[in-house]
């Protein structure tokens, strides 16, 4: 089976678990709701928010092929890395 991902959403958060929950439950009716972005396929961790923001800007400035390469380097099947996380909120 081949799944086509047409949108890659890039964002920064101080609470990844909470943000994943918000995206999966469609808490906010913004970009991720409109484009049905609810799978975590890549993430990086930082100790400093300024470093995280700088990295977000760097990734966003790249083209689609570069973003896909970054994802593919650690998650070649584009699996949802947050599978099973929502039980923390039940």
N, C-alpha and C. Protein backbone atom coordinates (compact mmCIF):
# COMPACT_ATOMS: atom_id res chain seq x y z
N UNK A 1 0.84 -1.17 0.00
CA UNK A 1 0.00 0.00 0.00
C UNK A 1 0.89 1.24 0.00
N UNK A 2 0.51 2.22 -0.78
CA UNK A 2 1.25 3.48 -0.85
C UNK A 2 0.35 4.61 -0.38
N UNK A 3 0.82 5.38 0.55
CA UNK A 3 0.06 6.52 1.06
C UNK A 3 0.78 7.79 0.62
N UNK A 4 0.07 8.69 0.01
CA UNK A 4 0.63 9.95 -0.45
C UNK A 4 0.41 11.03 0.59
N UNK A 5 1.49 11.59 1.07
CA UNK A 5 1.41 12.71 2.00
C UNK A 5 1.61 13.98 1.19
N UNK A 6 0.58 14.79 1.12
CA UNK A 6 0.65 16.00 0.30
C UNK A 6 1.13 17.21 1.08
N UNK A 7 1.02 17.18 2.41
CA UNK A 7 1.39 18.32 3.23
C UNK A 7 2.37 17.87 4.30
N UNK A 8 3.41 18.63 4.48
CA UNK A 8 4.35 18.41 5.58
C UNK A 8 4.25 19.64 6.48
N UNK A 9 3.80 19.43 7.70
CA UNK A 9 3.67 20.51 8.68
C UNK A 9 4.90 20.53 9.55
N UNK A 10 5.44 21.70 9.79
CA UNK A 10 6.63 21.85 10.63
C UNK A 10 6.29 22.86 11.71
N UNK A 11 6.56 22.50 12.95
CA UNK A 11 6.26 23.40 14.05
C UNK A 11 7.16 23.14 15.24
N UNK A 12 7.10 24.05 16.20
CA UNK A 12 7.88 23.97 17.43
C UNK A 12 6.91 23.91 18.60
N UNK A 13 7.24 23.12 19.60
CA UNK A 13 6.44 23.04 20.81
C UNK A 13 7.33 22.74 22.00
N UNK A 14 6.89 23.14 23.16
CA UNK A 14 7.60 22.80 24.39
C UNK A 14 7.02 21.54 25.03
N UNK A 15 5.93 21.02 24.47
CA UNK A 15 5.26 19.84 25.00
C UNK A 15 4.76 18.98 23.83
N UNK A 16 5.62 18.10 23.36
CA UNK A 16 5.30 17.30 22.17
C UNK A 16 4.09 16.40 22.39
N UNK A 17 4.00 15.78 23.53
CA UNK A 17 2.87 14.89 23.80
C UNK A 17 1.55 15.66 23.73
N UNK A 18 1.51 16.83 24.32
CA UNK A 18 0.30 17.65 24.29
C UNK A 18 -0.02 18.09 22.86
N UNK A 19 1.00 18.48 22.11
CA UNK A 19 0.77 18.93 20.73
C UNK A 19 0.26 17.79 19.86
N UNK A 20 0.81 16.60 20.02
CA UNK A 20 0.33 15.44 19.27
C UNK A 20 -1.15 15.21 19.59
N UNK A 21 -1.50 15.27 20.86
CA UNK A 21 -2.89 15.11 21.27
C UNK A 21 -3.78 16.14 20.58
N UNK A 22 -3.35 17.40 20.57
CA UNK A 22 -4.13 18.47 19.95
C UNK A 22 -4.34 18.21 18.46
N UNK A 23 -3.31 17.75 17.78
CA UNK A 23 -3.43 17.47 16.35
C UNK A 23 -4.34 16.27 16.08
N UNK A 24 -4.17 15.22 16.85
CA UNK A 24 -4.96 14.01 16.62
C UNK A 24 -6.43 14.19 16.96
N UNK A 25 -6.72 15.04 17.93
CA UNK A 25 -8.12 15.26 18.33
C UNK A 25 -8.72 16.48 17.64
N UNK A 26 -7.94 17.10 16.76
CA UNK A 26 -8.43 18.27 15.99
C UNK A 26 -8.93 19.38 16.92
N UNK A 27 -8.19 19.62 18.00
CA UNK A 27 -8.57 20.62 18.99
C UNK A 27 -8.71 22.01 18.39
N UNK A 28 -7.79 22.37 17.51
CA UNK A 28 -7.82 23.68 16.88
C UNK A 28 -8.18 23.54 15.41
N UNK A 29 -8.98 24.43 14.92
CA UNK A 29 -9.45 24.36 13.54
C UNK A 29 -8.55 25.16 12.60
N UNK A 30 -7.26 25.01 12.74
CA UNK A 30 -6.30 25.73 11.92
C UNK A 30 -5.73 24.89 10.79
N UNK A 31 -4.47 25.14 10.48
CA UNK A 31 -3.79 24.50 9.35
C UNK A 31 -3.85 22.98 9.44
N UNK A 32 -3.49 22.42 10.59
CA UNK A 32 -3.41 20.96 10.69
C UNK A 32 -4.79 20.32 10.60
N UNK A 33 -5.82 21.02 11.05
CA UNK A 33 -7.19 20.53 10.90
C UNK A 33 -7.58 20.54 9.43
N UNK A 34 -7.33 21.66 8.77
CA UNK A 34 -7.72 21.83 7.37
C UNK A 34 -7.06 20.78 6.47
N UNK A 35 -5.80 20.50 6.72
CA UNK A 35 -5.04 19.58 5.86
C UNK A 35 -4.87 18.18 6.46
N UNK A 36 -5.60 17.91 7.55
CA UNK A 36 -5.60 16.59 8.18
C UNK A 36 -4.19 16.10 8.52
N UNK A 37 -3.40 16.96 9.12
CA UNK A 37 -2.04 16.61 9.56
C UNK A 37 -2.13 16.07 10.98
N UNK A 38 -2.04 14.77 11.13
CA UNK A 38 -2.16 14.20 12.47
C UNK A 38 -1.17 13.06 12.72
N UNK A 39 -0.15 12.96 11.91
CA UNK A 39 0.87 11.92 12.10
C UNK A 39 2.21 12.58 12.39
N UNK A 40 2.87 12.08 13.42
CA UNK A 40 4.21 12.55 13.76
C UNK A 40 5.20 11.63 13.04
N UNK A 41 5.85 12.17 12.03
CA UNK A 41 6.75 11.32 11.24
C UNK A 41 8.21 11.67 11.44
N UNK A 42 8.47 12.80 12.11
CA UNK A 42 9.85 13.21 12.37
C UNK A 42 9.84 14.23 13.50
N UNK A 43 10.83 14.16 14.37
CA UNK A 43 10.98 15.22 15.37
C UNK A 43 12.42 15.26 15.85
N UNK A 44 12.79 16.41 16.35
CA UNK A 44 14.09 16.63 16.96
C UNK A 44 13.85 17.25 18.33
N UNK A 45 14.74 16.99 19.26
CA UNK A 45 14.63 17.56 20.61
C UNK A 45 15.77 18.55 20.86
N UNK A 46 15.44 19.61 21.55
CA UNK A 46 16.41 20.65 21.89
C UNK A 46 16.25 21.05 23.35
N UNK A 47 17.33 21.45 23.97
CA UNK A 47 17.29 21.95 25.35
C UNK A 47 16.95 23.43 25.39
N UNK A 48 17.14 24.10 24.26
CA UNK A 48 16.98 25.55 24.20
C UNK A 48 15.95 25.91 23.13
N UNK A 49 14.93 26.68 23.50
CA UNK A 49 13.87 27.04 22.56
C UNK A 49 14.40 27.84 21.38
N UNK A 50 15.40 28.66 21.61
CA UNK A 50 15.97 29.45 20.51
C UNK A 50 16.62 28.56 19.46
N UNK A 51 17.27 27.51 19.90
CA UNK A 51 17.86 26.55 18.97
C UNK A 51 16.76 25.83 18.18
N UNK A 52 15.68 25.50 18.87
CA UNK A 52 14.55 24.81 18.21
C UNK A 52 13.92 25.71 17.15
N UNK A 53 13.74 26.97 17.48
CA UNK A 53 13.14 27.91 16.52
C UNK A 53 14.06 28.11 15.32
N UNK A 54 15.36 28.21 15.57
CA UNK A 54 16.32 28.36 14.47
C UNK A 54 16.28 27.14 13.55
N UNK A 55 16.18 25.95 14.15
CA UNK A 55 16.12 24.72 13.35
C UNK A 55 14.82 24.65 12.57
N UNK A 56 13.71 25.07 13.18
CA UNK A 56 12.43 25.09 12.49
C UNK A 56 12.52 25.97 11.24
N UNK A 57 13.10 27.15 11.39
CA UNK A 57 13.25 28.07 10.26
C UNK A 57 14.13 27.47 9.17
N UNK A 58 15.19 26.78 9.60
CA UNK A 58 16.09 26.14 8.63
C UNK A 58 15.36 25.07 7.83
N UNK A 59 14.61 24.23 8.52
CA UNK A 59 13.88 23.17 7.83
C UNK A 59 12.81 23.75 6.92
N UNK A 60 12.06 24.74 7.41
CA UNK A 60 11.01 25.36 6.61
C UNK A 60 11.55 26.01 5.34
N UNK A 61 12.78 26.50 5.40
CA UNK A 61 13.35 27.18 4.23
C UNK A 61 13.80 26.22 3.14
N UNK A 62 13.87 24.94 3.47
CA UNK A 62 14.27 23.94 2.48
C UNK A 62 13.12 23.56 1.57
N UNK A 63 13.47 22.96 0.44
CA UNK A 63 12.42 22.52 -0.48
C UNK A 63 11.84 21.17 -0.03
N UNK A 64 10.81 20.75 -0.68
CA UNK A 64 10.10 19.52 -0.32
C UNK A 64 11.02 18.30 -0.38
N UNK A 65 11.83 18.21 -1.42
CA UNK A 65 12.73 17.06 -1.57
C UNK A 65 13.69 16.96 -0.38
N UNK A 66 14.17 18.07 0.07
CA UNK A 66 15.09 18.08 1.21
C UNK A 66 14.38 17.63 2.49
N UNK A 67 13.15 18.10 2.67
CA UNK A 67 12.35 17.69 3.84
C UNK A 67 12.07 16.20 3.80
N UNK A 68 11.70 15.70 2.64
CA UNK A 68 11.44 14.27 2.49
C UNK A 68 12.70 13.45 2.79
N UNK A 69 13.84 13.93 2.36
CA UNK A 69 15.10 13.25 2.63
C UNK A 69 15.40 13.19 4.12
N UNK A 70 15.12 14.28 4.82
CA UNK A 70 15.33 14.33 6.26
C UNK A 70 14.44 13.30 6.96
N UNK A 71 13.19 13.25 6.58
CA UNK A 71 12.25 12.28 7.16
C UNK A 71 12.70 10.86 6.83
N UNK A 72 13.01 10.63 5.58
CA UNK A 72 13.39 9.29 5.12
C UNK A 72 14.66 8.77 5.81
N UNK A 73 15.54 9.68 6.21
CA UNK A 73 16.80 9.26 6.84
C UNK A 73 16.59 8.59 8.19
N UNK A 74 15.51 8.90 8.88
CA UNK A 74 15.25 8.29 10.19
C UNK A 74 13.97 7.48 10.24
N UNK A 75 13.08 7.69 9.27
CA UNK A 75 11.79 7.02 9.26
C UNK A 75 11.40 6.69 7.82
N UNK A 76 12.12 5.76 7.19
CA UNK A 76 11.92 5.50 5.76
C UNK A 76 10.51 5.07 5.37
N UNK A 77 9.76 4.49 6.28
CA UNK A 77 8.39 4.07 5.96
C UNK A 77 7.36 5.13 6.35
N UNK A 78 7.81 6.23 6.87
CA UNK A 78 6.95 7.34 7.30
C UNK A 78 5.88 6.85 8.29
N UNK A 79 6.30 6.01 9.21
CA UNK A 79 5.38 5.52 10.25
C UNK A 79 5.02 6.65 11.20
N UNK A 80 3.85 6.57 11.80
CA UNK A 80 3.45 7.55 12.80
C UNK A 80 4.20 7.22 14.09
N UNK A 81 5.16 8.06 14.44
CA UNK A 81 6.01 7.82 15.61
C UNK A 81 5.25 7.98 16.92
N UNK A 82 4.07 8.57 16.86
CA UNK A 82 3.28 8.79 18.07
C UNK A 82 2.21 7.73 18.28
N UNK A 83 2.23 6.67 17.50
CA UNK A 83 1.25 5.59 17.70
C UNK A 83 1.31 5.11 19.15
N UNK A 84 0.18 5.07 19.80
CA UNK A 84 0.11 4.59 21.18
C UNK A 84 0.31 5.66 22.23
N UNK A 85 0.62 6.86 21.84
CA UNK A 85 0.86 7.93 22.81
C UNK A 85 -0.42 8.43 23.47
N UNK A 86 -1.55 8.36 22.78
CA UNK A 86 -2.77 8.98 23.30
C UNK A 86 -3.31 8.31 24.55
N UNK A 87 -2.87 7.10 24.85
CA UNK A 87 -3.36 6.46 26.07
C UNK A 87 -2.96 7.26 27.31
N UNK A 88 -1.96 8.13 27.20
CA UNK A 88 -1.55 8.97 28.32
C UNK A 88 -2.65 9.97 28.69
N UNK A 89 -3.56 10.26 27.77
CA UNK A 89 -4.60 11.24 28.02
C UNK A 89 -5.95 10.60 28.35
N UNK A 90 -6.03 9.29 28.28
CA UNK A 90 -7.31 8.62 28.57
C UNK A 90 -7.55 8.53 30.05
